[in-house]
Amino acid sequence: MANDQYMQALVRKIEIFKDDFLNFSRSQYTKNNKLFHAGEFGFQREQICKDFIMSVIPKSRQIDIRGFVINSNNEISAEQDLIFYSKNDTPVLTLEKSKFYPVETVVGIGQIKSIIRTKKELKQALDELKKVKGLREKMSHSSVIWRSQDLYDGKNSFSTDNPYDQIFTFLICEKINFKISAADINNLYEEGTPCYLKHNIVLDVSSGVYAYKFKEDEPFVAMPVSQRGTGTPHFNASNTNNDHIKHFLNNLHTFIPNNTLFHPEMSKYMY
């Protein structure tokens, strides 16, 4: 049963977020129906998403805007919009305006987009998220700093079978401006792509969320694979009472704090 006071406050924050993301941010950088200062516009939207998400993420998990994820196998991601990491366990290397985050303690990645007009644009965004997930798979064998043992009783190493060992990846966009089903989104991945490398959740702020279900009568989960098997891609088009945004927040709160933390062996990054 929901708490009335909490829900009143949350509904208010959701409405502010939607207005800021969909309307206010664009009005600040549009003149004569033309967008100017695209970089600043993008940064403002990233800040809006960060501030909103912070309301459901514990303080032990930090959110930074723009940075690169690296592993000790000499691999680096493209610049990511939002990076979630363990505040107490991550040695962030900053050089001028660039920040580098060891993949071992990065727990989530978010891509923030405006209107997605083509399948090609959507595929590019999902491919970038897939590449970030792959950085953990190729990291040096690192011991576990923390793992939610009540969720998964695994070995003291990375496992592709454990959904909480995978970086949580998501996409927030103003709107997907063409008709597409959740199964169609899933088919944008190359044939043979392992489920554990696929995105967790896509939030179309205007319309709904694209996530997964293991059974039709069960709630949404932002989990493409688990010990129970592969989740079926599913789309929730209901934005009644902003349920799609509540689904999104609930899954962030479930996965980000429970993502496994590995020990970043810095000597492997240096030599």
Protein backbone atom coordinates (compact mmCIF):
# COMPACT_ATOMS: atom_id res chain seq x y z
CA MET A 1 0.00 0.00 0.00
CA ALA A 2 1.44 3.37 -1.02
CA ASN A 3 2.28 6.12 1.43
CA ASP A 4 0.09 9.12 0.68
CA GLN A 5 2.63 11.77 1.67
CA TYR A 6 5.43 10.12 -0.27
CA MET A 7 3.26 9.71 -3.36
CA GLN A 8 2.11 13.34 -3.26
CA ALA A 9 5.72 14.51 -3.14
CA LEU A 10 6.81 12.04 -5.83
CA VAL A 11 3.97 12.99 -8.18
CA ARG A 12 4.96 16.63 -7.79
CA LYS A 13 8.61 15.83 -8.63
CA ILE A 14 7.54 13.78 -11.65
CA GLU A 15 5.43 16.64 -12.99
CA ILE A 16 8.32 19.10 -12.53
CA PHE A 17 10.69 16.66 -14.25
CA LYS A 18 8.37 16.16 -17.21
CA ASP A 19 7.81 19.88 -17.69
CA ASP A 20 11.50 20.71 -17.37
CA PHE A 21 12.59 17.89 -19.68
CA LEU A 22 9.89 18.23 -22.33
CA ASN A 23 9.19 21.97 -22.32
CA PHE A 24 11.33 24.30 -20.25
CA SER A 25 14.75 23.05 -21.37
CA ARG A 26 13.80 23.27 -25.04
CA SER A 27 12.26 26.75 -24.66
CA GLN A 28 15.53 28.03 -23.20
CA TYR A 29 17.50 27.07 -26.31
CA THR A 30 14.97 27.60 -29.12
CA LYS A 31 14.45 30.74 -31.17
CA ASN A 32 12.32 30.98 -34.31
CA ASN A 33 11.77 27.21 -34.06
CA LYS A 34 15.52 26.59 -34.28
CA LEU A 35 17.65 25.02 -31.58
CA PHE A 36 20.84 26.87 -30.65
CA HIS A 37 23.67 26.03 -28.23
CA ALA A 38 22.98 22.31 -28.63
CA GLY A 39 25.77 21.38 -26.21
CA GLU A 40 24.34 23.50 -23.40
CA PHE A 41 20.85 22.21 -24.18
CA GLY A 42 22.06 18.64 -23.83
CA PHE A 43 23.91 19.39 -20.60
CA GLN A 44 20.84 21.01 -19.06
CA ARG A 45 18.72 17.97 -19.86
CA GLU A 46 21.34 15.69 -18.36
CA GLN A 47 21.30 17.83 -15.21
CA ILE A 48 17.50 17.65 -15.08
CA CYS A 49 17.63 13.84 -15.26
CA LYS A 50 20.39 13.64 -12.66
CA ASP A 51 18.55 15.83 -10.16
CA PHE A 52 15.35 13.83 -10.64
CA ILE A 53 16.97 10.40 -10.33
CA MET A 54 18.87 11.43 -7.20
CA SER A 55 15.55 11.36 -5.34
CA VAL A 56 15.46 7.54 -5.47
CA ILE A 57 19.17 6.65 -5.40
CA PRO A 58 20.98 6.24 -2.05
CA LYS A 59 23.85 8.60 -1.23
CA SER A 60 26.32 5.71 -1.43
CA ARG A 61 25.89 5.85 -5.21
CA GLN A 62 27.14 8.98 -6.96
CA ILE A 63 25.88 10.32 -10.31
CA ASP A 64 28.20 12.34 -12.56
CA ILE A 65 27.45 14.02 -15.86
CA ARG A 66 29.67 13.02 -18.80
CA GLY A 67 32.68 10.80 -18.53
CA PHE A 68 34.44 7.74 -19.91
CA VAL A 69 34.31 4.17 -18.59
CA ILE A 70 37.58 2.22 -18.84
CA ASN A 71 38.90 -1.22 -18.00
CA SER A 72 42.41 -2.56 -17.42
CA ASN A 73 42.30 -4.32 -20.80
CA ASN A 74 43.07 -0.99 -22.51
CA GLU A 75 39.45 -0.38 -23.55
CA ILE A 76 37.42 2.80 -23.22
CA SER A 77 33.80 3.72 -23.83
CA ALA A 78 32.43 6.65 -25.75
CA GLU A 79 31.56 9.59 -23.52
CA GLN A 80 28.50 8.70 -21.45
CA ASP A 81 25.82 11.17 -20.34
CA LEU A 82 25.18 9.86 -16.82
CA ILE A 83 27.56 7.65 -14.86
CA PHE A 84 26.54 5.95 -11.61
CA TYR A 85 29.30 4.64 -9.36
CA SER A 86 30.14 3.71 -5.80
CA LYS A 87 31.12 6.88 -3.98
CA ASN A 88 33.45 5.12 -1.54
CA ASP A 89 35.16 2.65 -3.90
CA THR A 90 35.83 4.50 -7.16
CA PRO A 91 39.16 6.20 -7.91
CA VAL A 92 37.98 8.75 -10.51
CA LEU A 93 40.84 10.07 -12.62
CA THR A 94 40.23 13.66 -13.76
CA LEU A 95 42.32 15.37 -16.44
CA GLU A 96 41.17 18.87 -17.34
CA LYS A 97 37.50 18.36 -18.33
CA SER A 98 37.71 14.59 -18.87
CA LYS A 99 36.86 12.03 -16.19
CA PHE A 100 37.72 8.33 -16.32
CA TYR A 101 35.89 5.71 -14.25
CA PRO A 102 37.15 2.13 -13.67
CA VAL A 103 34.45 -0.26 -14.84
CA GLU A 104 34.70 -2.38 -11.70
CA THR A 105 32.79 0.12 -9.56
CA VAL A 106 30.58 1.71 -12.22
CA VAL A 107 27.05 0.46 -11.51
CA GLY A 108 24.93 2.29 -14.08
CA ILE A 109 25.03 4.22 -17.35
CA GLY A 110 22.37 6.49 -18.82
CA GLN A 111 22.03 7.93 -22.30
CA ILE A 112 19.88 11.09 -22.57
CA LYS A 113 18.36 11.84 -25.98
CA SER A 114 15.84 14.26 -27.45
CA ILE A 115 13.41 13.04 -30.14
CA ILE A 116 14.56 9.77 -31.67
CA ARG A 117 13.36 9.85 -35.27
CA THR A 118 14.83 6.72 -36.83
CA LYS A 119 15.64 3.13 -35.96
CA LYS A 120 19.26 3.90 -36.85
CA GLU A 121 19.45 6.55 -34.11
CA LEU A 122 17.93 4.17 -31.58
CA LYS A 123 20.25 1.34 -32.59
CA GLN A 124 23.32 3.58 -32.21
CA ALA A 125 22.31 4.52 -28.66
CA LEU A 126 21.65 0.90 -27.67
CA ASP A 127 24.93 -0.25 -29.24
CA GLU A 128 26.83 2.28 -27.11
CA LEU A 129 25.18 0.94 -23.98
CA LYS A 130 26.01 -2.61 -25.04
CA LYS A 131 29.68 -1.69 -25.44
CA VAL A 132 29.80 -0.32 -21.90
CA LYS A 133 28.36 -3.54 -20.51
CA GLY A 134 30.99 -5.46 -22.46
CA LEU A 135 33.78 -3.62 -20.63
CA ARG A 136 32.96 -5.53 -17.45
CA GLU A 137 33.04 -8.84 -19.24
CA LYS A 138 36.58 -8.10 -20.43
CA MET A 139 37.96 -6.62 -17.21
CA SER A 140 40.81 -8.39 -15.44
CA HIS A 141 39.71 -11.01 -12.95
CA SER A 142 38.71 -8.91 -9.98
CA SER A 143 37.47 -9.98 -6.59
CA VAL A 144 34.10 -8.85 -5.32
CA ILE A 145 34.00 -5.88 -2.94
CA TRP A 146 30.28 -6.21 -2.37
CA ARG A 147 27.54 -8.37 -3.77
CA SER A 148 23.93 -8.70 -2.65
CA GLN A 149 24.14 -12.33 -1.60
CA ASP A 150 20.44 -12.51 -0.86
CA LEU A 151 19.83 -11.80 -4.55
CA TYR A 152 22.49 -14.07 -5.96
CA ASP A 153 24.80 -16.56 -4.27
CA GLY A 154 27.64 -16.58 -6.75
CA LYS A 155 31.38 -17.04 -6.80
CA ASN A 156 33.84 -14.32 -5.87
CA SER A 157 34.22 -13.24 -9.49
CA PHE A 158 32.28 -11.77 -12.40
CA SER A 159 29.47 -13.91 -13.83
CA THR A 160 27.51 -13.40 -17.03
CA ASP A 161 24.65 -15.34 -15.40
CA ASN A 162 24.18 -12.77 -12.64
CA PRO A 163 22.12 -9.75 -13.81
CA TYR A 164 23.49 -7.71 -10.90
CA ASP A 165 27.05 -8.24 -12.14
CA GLN A 166 26.12 -6.34 -15.31
CA ILE A 167 26.17 -2.55 -15.42
CA PHE A 168 22.60 -1.24 -15.41
CA THR A 169 22.03 0.62 -18.69
CA PHE A 170 19.12 2.83 -19.70
CA LEU A 171 17.98 5.38 -22.23
CA ILE A 172 15.79 8.41 -21.55
CA CYS A 173 14.34 10.25 -24.52
CA GLU A 174 11.73 12.90 -25.15
CA LYS A 175 9.94 10.65 -27.61
CA ILE A 176 10.48 7.75 -29.98
CA ASN A 177 8.89 9.42 -32.99
CA PHE A 178 7.93 6.33 -34.97
CA LYS A 179 5.92 3.22 -34.32
CA ILE A 180 8.01 0.45 -32.78
CA SER A 181 7.31 -2.41 -30.41
CA ALA A 182 9.52 -3.66 -27.60
CA ALA A 183 10.24 -6.77 -29.68
CA ASP A 184 11.30 -4.51 -32.58
CA ILE A 185 13.73 -2.72 -30.27
CA ASN A 186 15.13 -6.06 -29.18
CA ASN A 187 15.64 -6.98 -32.84
CA LEU A 188 17.88 -3.94 -33.38
CA TYR A 189 20.68 -5.93 -31.77
CA GLU A 190 22.85 -8.06 -34.00
CA GLU A 191 21.86 -11.69 -34.16
CA GLY A 192 23.56 -13.68 -31.43
CA THR A 193 23.98 -10.75 -29.01
CA PRO A 194 23.88 -12.26 -25.48
CA CYS A 195 20.90 -11.13 -23.41
CA TYR A 196 23.13 -9.93 -20.57
CA LEU A 197 24.62 -7.25 -22.85
CA LYS A 198 21.26 -5.75 -23.79
CA HIS A 199 19.82 -2.56 -22.29
CA ASN A 200 17.81 -2.71 -19.11
CA ILE A 201 15.12 -0.12 -19.75
CA VAL A 202 14.11 2.63 -22.18
CA LEU A 203 12.00 5.54 -20.94
CA ASP A 204 10.04 7.48 -23.53
CA VAL A 205 9.02 10.37 -21.28
CA SER A 206 6.03 11.25 -23.45
CA SER A 207 4.61 7.75 -23.85
CA GLY A 208 5.86 4.79 -21.81
CA VAL A 209 8.64 2.37 -20.94
CA TYR A 210 10.23 -0.49 -22.84
CA ALA A 211 11.32 -3.22 -20.44
CA TYR A 212 10.81 -6.96 -19.91
CA LYS A 213 8.47 -9.51 -18.37
CA PHE A 214 9.08 -13.13 -17.48
CA LYS A 215 5.35 -13.89 -17.37
CA GLU A 216 2.49 -11.89 -18.79
CA ASP A 217 0.76 -11.44 -15.43
CA GLU A 218 3.94 -10.30 -13.64
CA PRO A 219 5.20 -6.72 -13.23
CA PHE A 220 7.83 -5.12 -15.43
CA VAL A 221 11.46 -5.82 -14.67
CA ALA A 222 14.45 -4.04 -16.17
CA MET A 223 16.22 -7.37 -16.55
CA PRO A 224 16.93 -8.92 -19.96
CA VAL A 225 18.20 -12.13 -18.34
CA SER A 226 18.17 -13.77 -14.92
CA GLN A 227 18.41 -17.15 -13.26
CA ARG A 228 14.80 -17.66 -14.34
CA GLY A 229 15.67 -17.32 -18.00
CA THR A 230 15.31 -14.64 -20.63
CA GLY A 231 12.87 -11.79 -20.15
CA THR A 232 10.38 -11.14 -22.94
CA PRO A 233 10.58 -7.59 -24.35
CA HIS A 234 7.48 -5.66 -23.37
CA PHE A 235 6.11 -2.13 -23.77
CA ASN A 236 3.97 -0.30 -21.26
CA ALA A 237 2.22 2.51 -23.11
CA SER A 238 0.25 3.62 -20.07
CA ASN A 239 1.22 7.05 -18.84
CA THR A 240 -1.89 7.27 -16.68
CA ASN A 241 -0.81 8.73 -13.35
CA ASN A 242 2.70 8.71 -14.82
CA ASP A 243 2.95 4.97 -14.21
CA HIS A 244 5.66 4.64 -16.87
CA ILE A 245 7.96 6.99 -14.95
CA LYS A 246 7.17 5.24 -11.67
CA HIS A 247 8.14 1.92 -13.28
CA PHE A 248 11.39 3.49 -14.42
CA LEU A 249 12.24 4.91 -10.97
CA ASN A 250 11.32 1.69 -9.20
CA ASN A 251 13.70 -0.32 -11.37
CA LEU A 252 16.50 2.19 -10.89
CA HIS A 253 16.03 1.92 -7.14
CA THR A 254 16.08 -1.87 -7.35
CA PHE A 255 19.14 -2.33 -9.54
CA ILE A 256 21.53 0.58 -9.01
CA PRO A 257 22.11 0.02 -5.24
CA ASN A 258 22.30 -3.76 -5.70
CA ASN A 259 24.80 -3.82 -8.55
CA THR A 260 27.91 -5.82 -7.72
CA LEU A 261 31.07 -3.89 -6.89
CA PHE A 262 34.44 -5.32 -7.93
CA HIS A 263 37.86 -4.34 -6.69
CA PRO A 264 39.67 -2.10 -9.24
CA GLU A 265 43.23 -3.39 -9.20
CA MET A 266 44.97 -0.14 -10.14
CA SER A 267 48.34 -1.76 -10.81
CA LYS A 268 46.71 -3.48 -13.81
CA TYR A 269 45.70 -0.08 -15.15
CA MET A 270 49.24 1.26 -14.76
CA TYR A 271 51.53 -1.53 -15.99
